[in-house]
Amino acid sequence: FPTRRSSDLMSPYLLTLAIGQFECESGQTDDIPIRVCGPPQDKGLGRSTLEAAEFTLHFYDQYFEMKYPYGKLDFVGLPGIPGAMENTACILALDSALFGDPDKASDEWLKNLAFGPVAHEMAHQWFGDLVTMKSQEESWLNEGMATWMAYKAVAAWKPDWKVEVQELVRTNAAMDADSLASTRPIRSLDAPDKITYDKAAAVLRMIEHYIGASAFRRAINSYVRHYAYTNVRSEDLWNEIAVVSGLPADRIVAGFVTQPGIPALSVDSRCEDNRTDLNLSQRRLFVGQSGADPIQQNLWQIPVCLRVNGGESCQLLSTSHQRMVINGCGPVYANVGAVGYYRSFYDSDNLLLLAETAESKLSAAERMNLVDDTWAAVRAGKGNIGNFLSLVKLFSGEPEPAVLKSIAADLAYVNDYIVADIDRSEYREWIRTTFAPRVQRMEWQSVIRETSELDLQAELLNIVGGIGREPELLQFSGKVAREANDGKARNTALRAAALRIRFQSGDPSLYETILARLRSSKNPQERIEHLESLARFENPQLIDRSVALDI
């Protein structure tokens, strides 16, 4: 698999040569041949990769208004390699990431395929291969931009996946890491991590929202054309955005790229004479500190977009404190679209008003943002755990599985690290009572399909069965786990929730069943799933066995 044509310019680190006995599946888009290749035993399992790649290449050609420049595109799946690599015109990836039976593969596997080795690595053909960073500290120009772009492609390919919610899941993980005193700037010589990929992508989304999608696209395309086949620094990107948009995007981006940490936005509001008087203030957020926050002088220029009583207003917060007056009164939400890279902390009255109207007034991403910001305030010692639990009660009817999954993770943390042993039975009773109406309305049957309703049911099983230890749901989880281990297909999320509850009991017979399936399976995707299952057992003896496995 030659990396390129002899006439193409490229950086030497992007050169690769794959040699072996490969079988390929072929297609094309916009006259560009595409192949998905791997060991002979994976023949026929690359159809999903090929389909995603064909759509994505055409999408990128359209977005960049520039045809893919390298003449051909190969994907090569290999066993044992870490992750994926965006070699010019020849993307290498772990075989289990590229190959899977489309009739058996889970939605989660297909999403990981689309976001990772396909959309992300293909975006690198422009961000990284065509336009290449000048030094290692600029690696976010490769990784952050490819992450931002990949979500666009996947959202266009699968609109029903609610990509904006998936983006926020990864952004929240980056925010959690960025709120530690040990974090670093995006622009850094450190090894790429959540800051390089997900914080950088989130900052790009925030700037895109601030200047408008059309202007941002013109700026990105101007940047790619201007710096094609050259090396770039951060200033090249943010100056291009500022020139094309005519807005101070360079100062905004520079603050988020060169400073460590995440701003916390305090929002204090009061209504007078049918006008909302707002006091906004920013400071760096720290979580996990004992005693006072470290001394810090960070100041960001933050594009803050607020919603009050259905009306939206965007302001650039460039000082530590700023006062605003908005016509009309009502609950104030301070991150329209949930695209701002900052945490919003609200006064108690406003928080509960937002929670009461969240399902009708906020999008799924905004509701997740409200939950995660409220929890972050608790973790940082700036919020009341009682307020968070009150919000959870008001969200007990939440219709979006990803939002409920975020709530489940926070409630599990409360159970594991905050509730004292003497209070645990009372906490579990509160869980069962809070979600009882929702649980009782559902028909608890394991079925053979992937639906959002069953994904919701899976998260309720995690909360009420796994944390609340509701007896009937514990029985139900055992039934689903037994059926799954008998080889019967089940909703992926529901099966995972049921097995997680079984893993808590450390059932040795279940462990042996999964281990036998691992050793007999030839499907890379199935083997990864079995390995992950073995890693979830909590019995110390079974953990020791997993560590010692020779696979």
Protein backbone atom coordinates (compact mmCIF):
# COMPACT_ATOMS: atom_id res chain seq x y z
CA PHE A 1 0.00 0.00 0.00
CA PRO A 2 2.06 2.99 -1.16
CA THR A 3 1.23 6.06 0.89
CA ARG A 4 1.11 8.52 -1.95
CA ARG A 5 1.73 9.34 -5.59
CA SER A 6 5.30 10.37 -6.36
CA SER A 7 4.17 13.91 -7.25
CA ASP A 8 2.57 14.66 -3.86
CA LEU A 9 4.32 16.72 -1.19
CA MET A 10 4.07 15.31 2.33
CA SER A 11 5.69 15.30 5.75
CA PRO A 12 8.01 12.29 6.27
CA TYR A 13 6.24 11.20 9.50
CA LEU A 14 3.15 10.45 7.41
CA LEU A 15 4.89 7.89 5.18
CA THR A 16 3.87 4.26 5.67
CA LEU A 17 4.27 0.97 3.84
CA ALA A 18 1.99 -1.95 4.77
CA ILE A 19 3.18 -5.36 3.65
CA GLY A 20 1.29 -8.61 4.19
CA GLN A 21 -1.40 -10.94 2.96
CA PHE A 22 -4.43 -8.65 2.73
CA GLU A 23 -7.96 -9.01 1.38
CA CYS A 24 -9.75 -5.80 0.38
CA GLU A 25 -13.25 -4.46 -0.17
CA SER A 26 -13.42 -1.62 -2.68
CA GLY A 27 -15.59 1.39 -3.41
CA GLN A 28 -15.27 4.98 -4.54
CA THR A 29 -16.49 8.54 -3.99
CA ASP A 30 -15.97 11.57 -6.22
CA ASP A 31 -13.75 9.44 -8.50
CA ILE A 32 -11.45 8.57 -5.57
CA PRO A 33 -10.97 4.78 -5.10
CA ILE A 34 -11.38 3.62 -1.49
CA ARG A 35 -10.28 0.25 -0.12
CA VAL A 36 -10.74 -1.39 3.28
CA CYS A 37 -8.12 -4.11 3.71
CA GLY A 38 -7.11 -6.58 6.39
CA PRO A 39 -6.16 -10.18 7.15
CA PRO A 40 -8.02 -12.78 5.06
CA GLN A 41 -10.19 -13.87 8.01
CA ASP A 42 -11.72 -10.37 8.12
CA LYS A 43 -12.86 -10.46 4.50
CA GLY A 44 -16.45 -9.25 4.26
CA LEU A 45 -16.43 -7.49 7.64
CA GLY A 46 -15.32 -4.07 6.32
CA ARG A 47 -18.61 -3.02 4.69
CA SER A 48 -19.55 -0.60 7.46
CA THR A 49 -16.14 1.07 7.24
CA LEU A 50 -16.43 1.40 3.47
CA GLU A 51 -19.92 2.87 3.66
CA ALA A 52 -18.89 5.43 6.29
CA ALA A 53 -15.74 6.36 4.36
CA GLU A 54 -17.59 6.90 1.08
CA PHE A 55 -20.06 9.29 2.72
CA THR A 56 -17.39 11.10 4.73
CA LEU A 57 -15.06 11.73 1.80
CA HIS A 58 -17.86 13.31 -0.22
CA PHE A 59 -18.91 15.39 2.80
CA TYR A 60 -15.36 16.71 3.26
CA ASP A 61 -14.99 17.47 -0.45
CA GLN A 62 -18.14 19.59 -0.19
CA TYR A 63 -17.28 21.31 3.09
CA PHE A 64 -13.72 22.27 2.14
CA GLU A 65 -14.73 23.18 -1.41
CA MET A 66 -11.54 21.33 -2.32
CA LYS A 67 -11.36 17.80 -3.61
CA TYR A 68 -9.44 15.23 -1.58
CA PRO A 69 -5.89 15.77 -2.87
CA TYR A 70 -4.21 12.36 -2.75
CA GLY A 71 -5.79 10.31 -5.54
CA LYS A 72 -6.73 7.22 -3.50
CA LEU A 73 -7.59 6.25 0.10
CA ASP A 74 -6.85 2.96 1.85
CA PHE A 75 -7.81 1.70 5.31
CA VAL A 76 -5.63 -1.14 6.59
CA GLY A 77 -6.69 -3.07 9.71
CA LEU A 78 -3.94 -4.76 11.71
CA PRO A 79 -4.02 -6.74 14.98
CA GLY A 80 -2.32 -5.31 18.03
CA ILE A 81 -1.58 -1.76 16.91
CA PRO A 82 -2.59 1.08 19.27
CA GLY A 83 -5.42 3.27 17.97
CA ALA A 84 -5.15 4.60 14.42
CA MET A 85 -2.73 6.67 12.33
CA GLU A 86 -3.57 9.18 9.61
CA ASN A 87 -0.78 8.31 7.17
CA THR A 88 -1.28 10.13 3.90
CA ALA A 89 -3.84 8.20 1.82
CA CYS A 90 -3.23 5.04 3.90
CA ILE A 91 -4.94 5.00 7.30
CA LEU A 92 -3.79 2.24 9.66
CA ALA A 93 -6.10 1.11 12.48
CA LEU A 94 -6.69 -1.72 14.90
CA ASP A 95 -8.53 -4.52 13.09
CA SER A 96 -11.31 -4.70 15.70
CA ALA A 97 -12.04 -1.00 15.06
CA LEU A 98 -12.51 -1.49 11.30
CA PHE A 99 -14.04 -4.95 10.98
CA GLY A 100 -17.39 -6.07 12.36
CA ASP A 101 -20.44 -8.00 11.22
CA PRO A 102 -23.02 -5.28 10.43
CA ASP A 103 -25.83 -7.67 11.39
CA LYS A 104 -24.36 -8.24 14.86
CA ALA A 105 -22.38 -5.09 15.63
CA SER A 106 -23.73 -2.80 18.33
CA ASP A 107 -24.66 0.84 17.81
CA GLU A 108 -21.76 1.72 20.11
CA TRP A 109 -19.26 -0.08 17.87
CA LEU A 110 -20.64 1.61 14.76
CA LYS A 111 -20.42 5.04 16.42
CA ASN A 112 -16.83 4.41 17.50
CA LEU A 113 -16.01 3.36 13.93
CA ALA A 114 -17.62 6.44 12.40
CA PHE A 115 -16.08 8.95 14.84
CA GLY A 116 -12.64 7.40 15.14
CA PRO A 117 -10.81 5.58 12.33
CA VAL A 118 -13.13 6.97 9.65
CA ALA A 119 -14.21 10.60 10.21
CA HIS A 120 -11.36 11.65 12.54
CA GLU A 121 -8.51 10.05 10.61
CA MET A 122 -9.95 11.19 7.28
CA ALA A 123 -10.20 14.77 8.58
CA HIS A 124 -6.46 14.53 9.22
CA GLN A 125 -5.93 14.28 5.49
CA TRP A 126 -6.64 18.03 5.52
CA PHE A 127 -5.75 18.91 9.14
CA GLY A 128 -2.33 17.34 9.62
CA ASP A 129 -1.42 15.91 6.22
CA LEU A 130 -2.23 18.77 3.83
CA VAL A 131 -1.69 21.46 6.49
CA THR A 132 0.88 20.25 9.01
CA MET A 133 1.79 21.56 12.46
CA LYS A 134 5.16 23.27 12.75
CA SER A 135 6.11 21.62 16.06
CA GLN A 136 4.82 19.16 18.66
CA GLU A 137 3.35 21.91 20.84
CA GLU A 138 0.97 22.71 17.97
CA SER A 139 -0.46 19.16 17.85
CA TRP A 140 -3.91 20.53 18.69
CA LEU A 141 -4.00 21.97 15.15
CA ASN A 142 -4.05 18.34 14.01
CA GLU A 143 -6.01 16.56 16.73
CA GLY A 144 -8.42 19.22 17.94
CA MET A 145 -9.41 20.28 14.45
CA ALA A 146 -9.85 16.68 13.27
CA THR A 147 -12.05 15.97 16.31
CA TRP A 148 -14.19 19.07 15.64
CA MET A 149 -14.53 18.17 11.95
CA ALA A 150 -15.33 14.49 12.57
CA TYR A 151 -18.47 15.37 14.51
CA LYS A 152 -19.72 17.40 11.55
CA ALA A 153 -19.34 14.49 9.18
CA VAL A 154 -20.99 11.98 11.50
CA ALA A 155 -23.88 14.37 12.25
CA ALA A 156 -24.53 14.63 8.51
CA TRP A 157 -24.29 10.84 8.03
CA LYS A 158 -26.44 9.83 11.00
CA PRO A 159 -28.69 12.74 12.13
CA ASP A 160 -30.61 10.47 14.52
CA TRP A 161 -27.45 9.90 16.60
CA LYS A 162 -27.82 13.35 18.22
CA VAL A 163 -24.16 14.08 17.76
CA GLU A 164 -24.38 17.35 19.70
CA VAL A 165 -25.03 15.29 22.84
CA GLN A 166 -22.11 12.95 22.11
CA GLU A 167 -19.86 15.98 21.60
CA LEU A 168 -20.86 17.28 25.01
CA VAL A 169 -20.08 13.94 26.70
CA ARG A 170 -16.48 14.23 25.54
CA THR A 171 -16.34 17.96 26.27
CA ASN A 172 -17.46 17.32 29.85
CA ALA A 173 -14.68 14.76 30.28
CA ALA A 174 -12.19 17.37 29.08
CA MET A 175 -13.69 19.97 31.44
CA ASP A 176 -13.30 17.58 34.37
CA ALA A 177 -9.61 17.08 33.54
CA ASP A 178 -9.16 20.81 32.93
CA SER A 179 -10.53 21.72 36.37
CA LEU A 180 -7.61 20.00 38.10
CA ALA A 181 -4.62 22.03 39.24
CA SER A 182 -2.39 19.65 37.25
CA THR A 183 -3.92 20.52 33.86
CA ARG A 184 -1.99 22.22 31.08
CA PRO A 185 -2.66 24.58 28.15
CA ILE A 186 -3.90 23.27 24.81
CA ARG A 187 -0.67 24.49 23.27
CA SER A 188 1.83 22.22 24.97
CA LEU A 189 4.69 19.79 24.42
CA ASP A 190 2.90 17.21 26.58
CA ALA A 191 1.57 14.02 24.99
CA PRO A 192 -1.83 14.53 23.31
CA ASP A 193 -4.81 13.86 25.60
CA LYS A 194 -8.36 15.11 26.29
CA ILE A 195 -7.07 18.68 26.32
CA THR A 196 -5.48 18.32 22.89
CA TYR A 197 -8.46 16.56 21.33
CA ASP A 198 -11.66 17.47 23.13
CA LYS A 199 -10.98 20.82 24.77
CA ALA A 200 -9.52 22.10 21.50
CA ALA A 201 -12.54 20.84 19.55
CA ALA A 202 -14.90 22.46 22.09
CA VAL A 203 -13.13 25.82 21.81
CA LEU A 204 -13.46 25.63 18.01
CA ARG A 205 -17.21 24.93 18.34
CA MET A 206 -17.57 27.90 20.69
CA ILE A 207 -15.83 30.24 18.23
CA GLU A 208 -17.89 28.82 15.36
CA HIS A 209 -21.07 29.63 17.29
CA TYR A 210 -19.78 33.11 18.16
CA ILE A 211 -18.91 34.23 14.61
CA GLY A 212 -21.50 32.08 12.80
CA ALA A 213 -21.15 28.74 10.98
CA SER A 214 -20.91 30.31 7.52
CA ALA A 215 -18.15 32.78 8.46
CA PHE A 216 -16.26 30.07 10.34
CA ARG A 217 -16.40 27.76 7.34
CA ARG A 218 -15.01 30.51 5.10
CA ALA A 219 -12.21 31.08 7.61
CA ILE A 220 -11.32 27.37 7.81
CA ASN A 221 -11.32 26.97 4.03
CA SER A 222 -9.17 30.09 3.65
CA TYR A 223 -6.74 28.65 6.22
CA VAL A 224 -6.53 25.30 4.39
CA ARG A 225 -5.99 26.91 0.97
CA HIS A 226 -3.49 29.44 2.33
CA TYR A 227 -1.33 26.91 4.18
CA ALA A 228 -1.67 23.78 1.99
CA TYR A 229 1.59 21.79 1.87
CA THR A 230 3.19 24.01 4.54
CA ASN A 231 3.73 24.01 8.30
CA VAL A 232 1.64 26.18 10.64
CA ARG A 233 1.51 27.65 14.13
CA SER A 234 -1.53 28.47 16.25
CA GLU A 235 -1.33 32.15 15.30
CA ASP A 236 -1.85 31.25 11.65
CA LEU A 237 -5.26 29.76 12.45
CA TRP A 238 -6.62 32.32 14.86
CA ASN A 239 -5.40 35.26 12.77
CA GLU A 240 -7.12 33.78 9.72
CA ILE A 241 -10.39 33.45 11.66
CA ALA A 242 -10.14 37.06 12.86
CA VAL A 243 -9.39 38.46 9.40
CA VAL A 244 -12.20 36.56 7.67
CA SER A 245 -14.81 37.18 10.40
CA GLY A 246 -13.87 40.75 11.32
CA LEU A 247 -14.35 39.80 14.99
CA PRO A 248 -11.74 39.49 17.79
CA ALA A 249 -11.68 35.72 17.50
CA ASP A 250 -7.90 35.75 17.70
CA ARG A 251 -7.95 37.15 21.25
CA ILE A 252 -10.64 34.67 22.31
CA VAL A 253 -8.89 31.61 20.89
CA ALA A 254 -5.47 32.69 22.17
CA GLY A 255 -6.76 32.92 25.74
CA PHE A 256 -8.18 29.40 25.69
CA VAL A 257 -5.21 27.88 23.84
CA THR A 258 -2.34 29.40 25.82
CA GLN A 259 -3.83 29.36 29.35
CA PRO A 260 -4.49 26.22 31.39
CA GLY A 261 -7.83 25.56 33.04
CA ILE A 262 -11.49 26.31 32.50
CA PRO A 263 -13.44 29.41 33.52
CA ALA A 264 -16.36 29.15 35.92
CA LEU A 265 -19.06 31.71 35.19
CA SER A 266 -21.10 32.82 38.22
CA VAL A 267 -24.58 33.99 37.21
CA ASP A 268 -26.52 36.02 39.75
CA SER A 269 -29.88 37.33 38.59
CA ARG A 270 -32.82 39.34 39.92
CA CYS A 271 -35.96 40.71 38.31
CA GLU A 272 -36.99 44.35 38.64
CA ASP A 273 -39.60 46.24 36.59
CA ASN A 274 -39.86 43.36 34.09
CA ARG A 275 -36.12 43.46 33.44
CA THR A 276 -33.48 40.93 34.44
CA ASP A 277 -30.46 42.42 36.18
CA LEU A 278 -27.51 40.08 35.73
CA ASN A 279 -24.14 40.08 37.43
CA LEU A 280 -21.62 37.84 35.67
CA SER A 281 -18.20 37.02 37.04
CA GLN A 282 -15.46 34.65 35.94
CA ARG A 283 -12.67 32.85 37.76
CA ARG A 284 -10.70 29.71 37.11
CA LEU A 285 -12.42 26.55 38.30
CA PHE A 286 -10.57 24.12 40.56
CA VAL A 287 -11.89 20.71 41.64
CA GLY A 288 -10.27 18.43 44.18
CA GLN A 289 -8.38 21.11 46.05
CA SER A 290 -8.03 20.99 49.82
CA GLY A 291 -8.31 24.44 51.35
CA ALA A 292 -8.36 27.61 49.30
CA ASP A 293 -8.03 27.61 45.50
CA PRO A 294 -4.50 28.17 44.22
CA ILE A 295 -3.62 31.77 43.45
CA GLN A 296 -4.38 32.42 39.80
CA GLN A 297 -4.60 35.39 37.47
CA ASN A 298 -6.33 33.70 34.53
CA LEU A 299 -8.72 35.91 32.61
CA TRP A 300 -10.51 34.79 29.46
CA GLN A 301 -12.48 36.60 26.82
CA ILE A 302 -15.62 34.48 26.90
CA PRO A 303 -18.44 34.61 24.33
CA VAL A 304 -21.43 34.21 26.66
CA CYS A 305 -24.84 33.55 25.13
CA LEU A 306 -27.80 33.76 27.52
CA ARG A 307 -31.47 32.86 27.21
CA VAL A 308 -34.07 34.68 29.30
CA ASN A 309 -37.81 34.20 28.78
CA GLY A 310 -37.25 32.81 25.26
CA GLY A 311 -35.01 35.69 24.15
CA GLU A 312 -31.28 35.24 23.49
CA SER A 313 -28.44 37.69 24.00
CA CYS A 314 -24.71 37.19 23.38
CA GLN A 315 -21.99 39.23 25.05
CA LEU A 316 -18.21 39.03 25.21
CA LEU A 317 -17.17 38.80 28.86
CA SER A 318 -13.65 40.23 28.89
CA THR A 319 -13.32 41.35 32.52
CA SER A 320 -13.60 39.54 35.84
CA HIS A 321 -17.04 41.11 36.52
CA GLN A 322 -19.69 42.44 34.19
CA ARG A 323 -23.28 43.68 34.64
CA MET A 324 -26.01 43.16 32.07
CA VAL A 325 -29.66 44.19 31.90
CA ILE A 326 -32.02 42.16 29.70
CA ASN A 327 -35.67 42.94 28.96
CA GLY A 328 -38.13 40.45 30.42
CA CYS A 329 -37.91 38.12 33.38
CA GLY A 330 -37.67 34.39 33.80
CA PRO A 331 -35.07 31.70 34.46
CA VAL A 332 -31.65 32.60 33.06
CA TYR A 333 -29.71 29.96 31.10
CA ALA A 334 -26.13 31.03 30.41
CA ASN A 335 -24.85 28.67 27.70
CA VAL A 336 -27.19 28.65 24.69
CA GLY A 337 -26.59 25.54 22.61
CA ALA A 338 -24.26 24.20 25.32
CA VAL A 339 -21.33 25.19 23.10
CA GLY A 340 -19.47 27.50 25.49
CA TYR A 341 -16.30 26.12 27.04
CA TYR A 342 -17.05 27.22 30.60
CA ARG A 343 -19.03 26.07 33.60
CA SER A 344 -22.10 28.07 34.63
CA PHE A 345 -22.95 28.31 38.33
CA TYR A 346 -26.41 29.65 39.20
CA ASP A 347 -28.04 30.96 42.35
CA SER A 348 -30.37 28.41 43.97
CA ASP A 349 -33.66 30.02 42.91
CA ASN A 350 -32.64 30.35 39.28
CA LEU A 351 -31.26 26.79 39.19
CA LEU A 352 -34.54 25.27 40.37
CA LEU A 353 -36.56 27.42 37.96
CA LEU A 354 -34.36 26.17 35.11
CA ALA A 355 -34.79 22.56 36.24
CA GLU A 356 -38.58 22.88 36.47
CA THR A 357 -38.88 24.03 32.85
CA ALA A 358 -35.88 22.18 31.40
CA GLU A 359 -37.71 19.53 29.39
CA SER A 360 -39.76 22.10 27.46
CA LYS A 361 -37.29 25.01 27.33
CA LEU A 362 -33.85 23.40 26.97
CA SER A 363 -32.43 21.08 24.31
CA ALA A 364 -31.02 17.67 25.29
CA ALA A 365 -27.47 19.07 25.15
CA GLU A 366 -28.47 22.06 27.27
CA ARG A 367 -30.12 19.80 29.85
CA MET A 368 -26.98 17.69 30.05
CA ASN A 369 -24.95 20.86 30.41
CA LEU A 370 -27.16 22.03 33.28
CA VAL A 371 -26.76 18.69 35.09
CA ASP A 372 -23.00 18.58 34.60
CA ASP A 373 -22.47 22.22 35.61
CA THR A 374 -24.51 21.70 38.77
CA TRP A 375 -22.52 18.60 39.65
CA ALA A 376 -19.24 20.40 38.90
CA ALA A 377 -20.26 23.12 41.37
CA VAL A 378 -20.73 20.44 44.03
CA ARG A 379 -17.35 18.84 43.26
CA ALA A 380 -15.66 22.25 43.43
CA GLY A 381 -17.24 23.13 46.77
CA LYS A 382 -19.21 25.96 45.15
CA GLY A 383 -22.61 24.24 45.12
CA ASN A 384 -24.98 22.50 47.50
CA ILE A 385 -25.48 18.73 47.23
CA GLY A 386 -29.10 19.31 48.22
CA ASN A 387 -29.61 21.54 45.19
CA PHE A 388 -28.13 18.85 42.96
CA LEU A 389 -30.43 16.16 44.35
CA SER A 390 -33.40 18.51 43.95
CA LEU A 391 -32.43 18.95 40.31
CA VAL A 392 -32.18 15.16 39.88
CA LYS A 393 -35.70 14.77 41.26
CA LEU A 394 -37.01 17.28 38.73
CA PHE A 395 -35.13 15.39 36.00
CA SER A 396 -36.52 11.98 36.96
CA GLY A 397 -38.66 12.00 33.79
CA GLU A 398 -35.72 12.92 31.51
CA PRO A 399 -36.37 11.53 27.98
CA GLU A 400 -32.79 11.56 26.60
CA PRO A 401 -30.71 8.45 27.47
CA ALA A 402 -27.38 10.30 27.42
CA VAL A 403 -28.62 12.87 29.96
CA LEU A 404 -29.91 10.12 32.23
CA LYS A 405 -26.55 8.34 31.86
CA SER A 406 -24.78 11.45 33.13
CA ILE A 407 -27.16 11.60 36.10
CA ALA A 408 -26.54 7.90 36.79
CA ALA A 409 -22.76 8.45 36.93
CA ASP A 410 -23.16 11.34 39.39
CA LEU A 411 -25.56 9.41 41.62
CA ALA A 412 -23.12 6.47 41.65
CA TYR A 413 -20.37 8.86 42.80
CA VAL A 414 -22.63 10.10 45.61
CA ASN A 415 -23.26 6.50 46.63
CA ASP A 416 -19.59 5.47 46.52
CA TYR A 417 -17.85 8.54 47.94
CA ILE A 418 -20.27 10.86 49.73
CA VAL A 419 -22.97 8.81 51.48
CA ALA A 420 -21.83 7.29 54.76
CA ASP A 421 -22.43 3.58 55.31
CA ILE A 422 -24.96 4.36 58.05
CA ASP A 423 -27.01 6.42 55.55
CA ARG A 424 -26.75 4.12 52.54
CA SER A 425 -30.08 2.36 52.97
CA GLU A 426 -31.83 5.74 53.23
CA TYR A 427 -30.07 6.97 50.09
CA ARG A 428 -31.08 3.83 48.18
CA GLU A 429 -34.67 4.33 49.31
CA TRP A 430 -34.55 7.91 48.01
CA ILE A 431 -33.32 6.60 44.65
CA ARG A 432 -36.15 4.06 44.44
CA THR A 433 -38.81 6.57 45.48
CA THR A 434 -37.57 9.31 43.13
CA PHE A 435 -37.67 7.12 40.04
CA ALA A 436 -40.55 4.80 41.07
CA PRO A 437 -43.23 6.39 38.82
CA ARG A 438 -40.96 6.07 35.79
CA VAL A 439 -40.00 2.49 36.58
CA GLN A 440 -43.59 1.42 37.16
CA ARG A 441 -44.75 2.81 33.80
CA MET A 442 -42.22 0.76 31.87
CA GLU A 443 -42.65 -2.73 30.50
CA TRP A 444 -39.52 -4.54 31.65
CA GLN A 445 -38.81 -7.08 28.94
CA SER A 446 -35.54 -7.95 27.25
CA VAL A 447 -36.00 -7.60 23.51
CA ILE A 448 -33.90 -7.98 20.38
CA ARG A 449 -33.56 -4.46 19.04
CA GLU A 450 -31.79 -1.16 19.55
CA THR A 451 -34.19 1.65 20.50
CA SER A 452 -33.94 4.86 22.48
CA GLU A 453 -36.70 3.61 24.80
CA LEU A 454 -34.61 0.58 25.74
CA ASP A 455 -31.53 2.79 26.14
CA LEU A 456 -33.56 4.81 28.66
CA GLN A 457 -34.60 1.61 30.35
CA ALA A 458 -30.93 0.62 30.60
CA GLU A 459 -30.03 3.83 32.42
CA LEU A 460 -32.95 3.42 34.81
CA LEU A 461 -31.74 -0.11 35.46
CA ASN A 462 -28.31 1.33 36.31
CA ILE A 463 -29.85 3.86 38.70
CA VAL A 464 -32.72 2.00 40.36
CA GLY A 465 -31.32 -1.51 40.09
CA GLY A 466 -27.59 -0.90 40.36
CA ILE A 467 -27.61 1.93 42.93
CA GLY A 468 -31.08 1.65 44.47
CA ARG A 469 -30.92 -2.19 44.57
CA GLU A 470 -34.63 -2.49 43.74
CA PRO A 471 -35.42 -6.23 44.15
CA GLU A 472 -37.56 -6.70 41.03
CA LEU A 473 -34.99 -4.98 38.84
CA LEU A 474 -32.22 -7.10 40.34
CA GLN A 475 -34.21 -10.18 39.27
CA PHE A 476 -34.75 -8.67 35.83
CA SER A 477 -31.04 -7.94 35.41
CA GLY A 478 -30.27 -11.58 36.23
CA LYS A 479 -32.76 -12.73 33.56
CA VAL A 480 -31.24 -10.45 30.89
CA ALA A 481 -27.69 -11.50 31.82
CA ARG A 482 -28.57 -15.20 31.55
CA GLU A 483 -30.23 -14.72 28.17
CA ALA A 484 -27.27 -12.70 26.87
CA ASN A 485 -24.82 -15.36 28.00
CA ASP A 486 -26.89 -18.00 26.21
CA GLY A 487 -25.98 -16.17 23.00
CA LYS A 488 -29.32 -14.44 22.48
CA ALA A 489 -29.03 -10.92 21.05
CA ARG A 490 -30.27 -8.10 23.30
CA ASN A 491 -30.32 -4.35 23.31
CA THR A 492 -26.67 -3.42 23.83
CA ALA A 493 -27.18 -0.84 26.57
CA LEU A 494 -29.71 -2.97 28.47
CA ARG A 495 -27.44 -6.00 28.33
CA ALA A 496 -24.48 -3.94 29.55
CA ALA A 497 -26.49 -2.56 32.48
CA ALA A 498 -27.72 -6.01 33.49
CA LEU A 499 -24.24 -7.52 33.27
CA ARG A 500 -22.76 -4.63 35.27
CA ILE A 501 -25.15 -5.45 38.11
CA ARG A 502 -24.25 -9.13 37.87
CA PHE A 503 -20.53 -8.23 37.88
CA GLN A 504 -21.05 -6.51 41.25
CA SER A 505 -21.94 -9.90 42.72
CA GLY A 506 -18.73 -11.43 41.33
CA ASP A 507 -20.50 -14.50 39.90
CA PRO A 508 -17.72 -17.03 39.02
CA SER A 509 -19.96 -19.04 36.65
CA LEU A 510 -20.68 -15.91 34.61
CA TYR A 511 -16.95 -15.19 34.47
CA GLU A 512 -16.24 -18.69 33.11
CA THR A 513 -18.94 -18.30 30.44
CA ILE A 514 -17.49 -14.99 29.18
CA LEU A 515 -13.93 -16.35 29.28
CA ALA A 516 -14.97 -19.36 27.15
CA ARG A 517 -16.65 -17.07 24.61
CA LEU A 518 -13.52 -14.91 24.46
CA ARG A 519 -11.30 -17.90 23.68
CA SER A 520 -13.62 -19.32 21.02
CA SER A 521 -14.51 -16.08 19.20
CA LYS A 522 -12.75 -15.14 15.94
CA ASN A 523 -14.56 -11.81 15.57
CA PRO A 524 -12.31 -8.89 16.69
CA GLN A 525 -15.23 -6.76 17.84
CA GLU A 526 -16.71 -9.60 19.92
CA ARG A 527 -13.34 -10.33 21.52
CA ILE A 528 -12.96 -6.70 22.63
CA GLU A 529 -16.47 -6.81 24.14
CA HIS A 530 -15.66 -10.01 26.07
CA LEU A 531 -12.36 -8.57 27.34
CA GLU A 532 -14.15 -5.44 28.56
CA SER A 533 -16.72 -7.61 30.34
CA LEU A 534 -14.03 -9.57 32.20
CA ALA A 535 -12.44 -6.30 33.31
CA ARG A 536 -15.69 -5.20 35.03
CA PHE A 537 -15.82 -7.99 37.63
CA GLU A 538 -15.31 -6.65 41.15
CA ASN A 539 -14.44 -9.92 42.93
CA PRO A 540 -10.71 -9.61 43.88
CA GLN A 541 -9.96 -13.23 42.95
CA LEU A 542 -11.52 -12.81 39.50
CA ILE A 543 -9.64 -9.53 39.01
CA ASP A 544 -6.39 -11.41 39.70
CA ARG A 545 -7.36 -14.03 37.11
CA SER A 546 -8.06 -11.35 34.49
CA VAL A 547 -4.70 -9.68 35.11
CA ALA A 548 -2.95 -13.03 34.65
CA LEU A 549 -4.80 -14.01 31.46
CA ASP A 550 -2.68 -15.16 28.53
CA ILE A 551 -4.68 -14.12 25.46
